[in-house]
Amino acid sequence: MGERDMSQSYMIQSLQKATHVVNRLQREGYTVEKVLLGEGRPKIKISWHPRCREFGEPAVVSKGNNGSHYEKAMVEFEGCQLSWTVR
């Protein structure tokens, strides 16, 4: 199998995984803001929701932009990296 075949297969698997997770999140009332495919696990960004804690203890990364401060929470969820901005 060539590099192109493996890359295409990986992208198809990533897309299938992301589609499954996005559909589940939407059924459960979460708003999906962004989906990124490429290197590593699919990355899915959702809007903050009071039920986000149901995903478990997230890794929290502090960020700042032009004097403002926010925190981004990240967890692994069904083979995807799920993130949201903490309120």
Protein backbone atom coordinates (compact mmCIF):
# COMPACT_ATOMS: atom_id res chain seq x y z
CA MET A 1 0.00 0.00 0.00
CA GLY A 2 1.44 3.36 -0.99
CA GLU A 3 1.70 6.52 1.10
CA ARG A 4 -1.24 8.06 -0.76
CA ASP A 5 -3.44 5.03 -0.03
CA MET A 6 -2.60 5.12 3.70
CA SER A 7 -3.19 8.86 3.87
CA GLN A 8 -6.52 8.57 2.08
CA SER A 9 -7.57 5.66 4.32
CA TYR A 10 -6.57 7.62 7.43
CA MET A 11 -8.57 10.66 6.29
CA ILE A 12 -11.64 8.52 5.59
CA GLN A 13 -11.41 6.92 9.05
CA SER A 14 -10.94 10.35 10.68
CA LEU A 15 -13.92 11.75 8.81
CA GLN A 16 -16.11 8.80 9.82
CA LYS A 17 -15.05 9.11 13.46
CA ALA A 18 -15.64 12.88 13.50
CA THR A 19 -19.03 12.51 11.79
CA HIS A 20 -20.15 9.95 14.39
CA VAL A 21 -19.04 12.18 17.30
CA VAL A 22 -20.55 15.36 15.81
CA ASN A 23 -23.89 13.62 15.25
CA ARG A 24 -23.90 12.31 18.83
CA LEU A 25 -23.00 15.70 20.30
CA GLN A 26 -25.74 17.42 18.31
CA ARG A 27 -28.33 14.83 19.38
CA GLU A 28 -27.34 15.50 23.00
CA GLY A 29 -27.84 19.28 22.60
CA TYR A 30 -24.27 20.53 22.16
CA THR A 31 -23.38 23.14 19.53
CA VAL A 32 -20.45 22.14 17.33
CA GLU A 33 -18.41 25.18 16.28
CA LYS A 34 -15.54 23.64 14.33
CA VAL A 35 -14.16 20.31 13.09
CA LEU A 36 -10.54 19.92 12.03
CA LEU A 37 -9.12 16.86 10.28
CA GLY A 38 -5.49 16.27 9.49
CA GLU A 39 -2.60 15.20 11.64
CA GLY A 40 -3.51 13.32 14.80
CA ARG A 41 -7.01 12.78 16.10
CA PRO A 42 -9.95 14.71 14.70
CA LYS A 43 -10.39 17.95 16.66
CA ILE A 44 -13.91 19.12 17.51
CA LYS A 45 -14.68 22.46 19.17
CA ILE A 46 -18.03 22.90 20.88
CA SER A 47 -19.72 25.82 22.60
CA TRP A 48 -19.53 25.73 26.37
CA HIS A 49 -22.49 23.97 27.95
CA PRO A 50 -23.22 23.32 31.65
CA ARG A 51 -23.05 19.59 30.90
CA CYS A 52 -19.45 19.76 29.59
CA ARG A 53 -18.26 18.37 32.93
CA GLU A 54 -19.90 15.07 31.94
CA PHE A 55 -16.92 14.47 29.62
CA GLY A 56 -14.63 14.08 32.63
CA GLU A 57 -11.77 16.16 34.00
CA PRO A 58 -10.39 18.24 31.14
CA ALA A 59 -6.88 19.47 30.58
CA VAL A 60 -7.13 23.25 30.82
CA VAL A 61 -4.87 25.58 28.88
CA SER A 62 -4.81 29.27 29.83
CA LYS A 63 -4.67 31.67 26.95
CA GLY A 64 -4.58 35.41 26.53
CA ASN A 65 -5.25 37.65 23.58
CA ASN A 66 -4.87 41.44 23.58
CA GLY A 67 -5.27 41.68 27.34
CA SER A 68 -8.17 39.27 27.68
CA HIS A 69 -7.83 35.92 29.42
CA TYR A 70 -9.68 32.70 28.71
CA GLU A 71 -9.22 29.01 29.31
CA LYS A 72 -9.64 26.24 26.80
CA ALA A 73 -10.66 22.82 28.11
CA MET A 74 -9.74 19.65 26.20
CA VAL A 75 -10.69 15.99 26.64
CA GLU A 76 -10.45 12.85 24.56
CA PHE A 77 -13.92 11.73 23.52
CA GLU A 78 -14.52 8.65 21.39
CA GLY A 79 -11.17 8.98 19.64
CA CYS A 80 -11.46 12.71 19.02
CA GLN A 81 -10.00 15.73 20.80
CA LEU A 82 -12.98 17.67 22.13
CA SER A 83 -12.49 21.25 23.29
CA TRP A 84 -14.46 24.25 24.52
CA THR A 85 -13.77 27.66 26.02
CA VAL A 86 -14.34 27.68 29.78
CA ARG A 87 -16.68 30.35 31.10
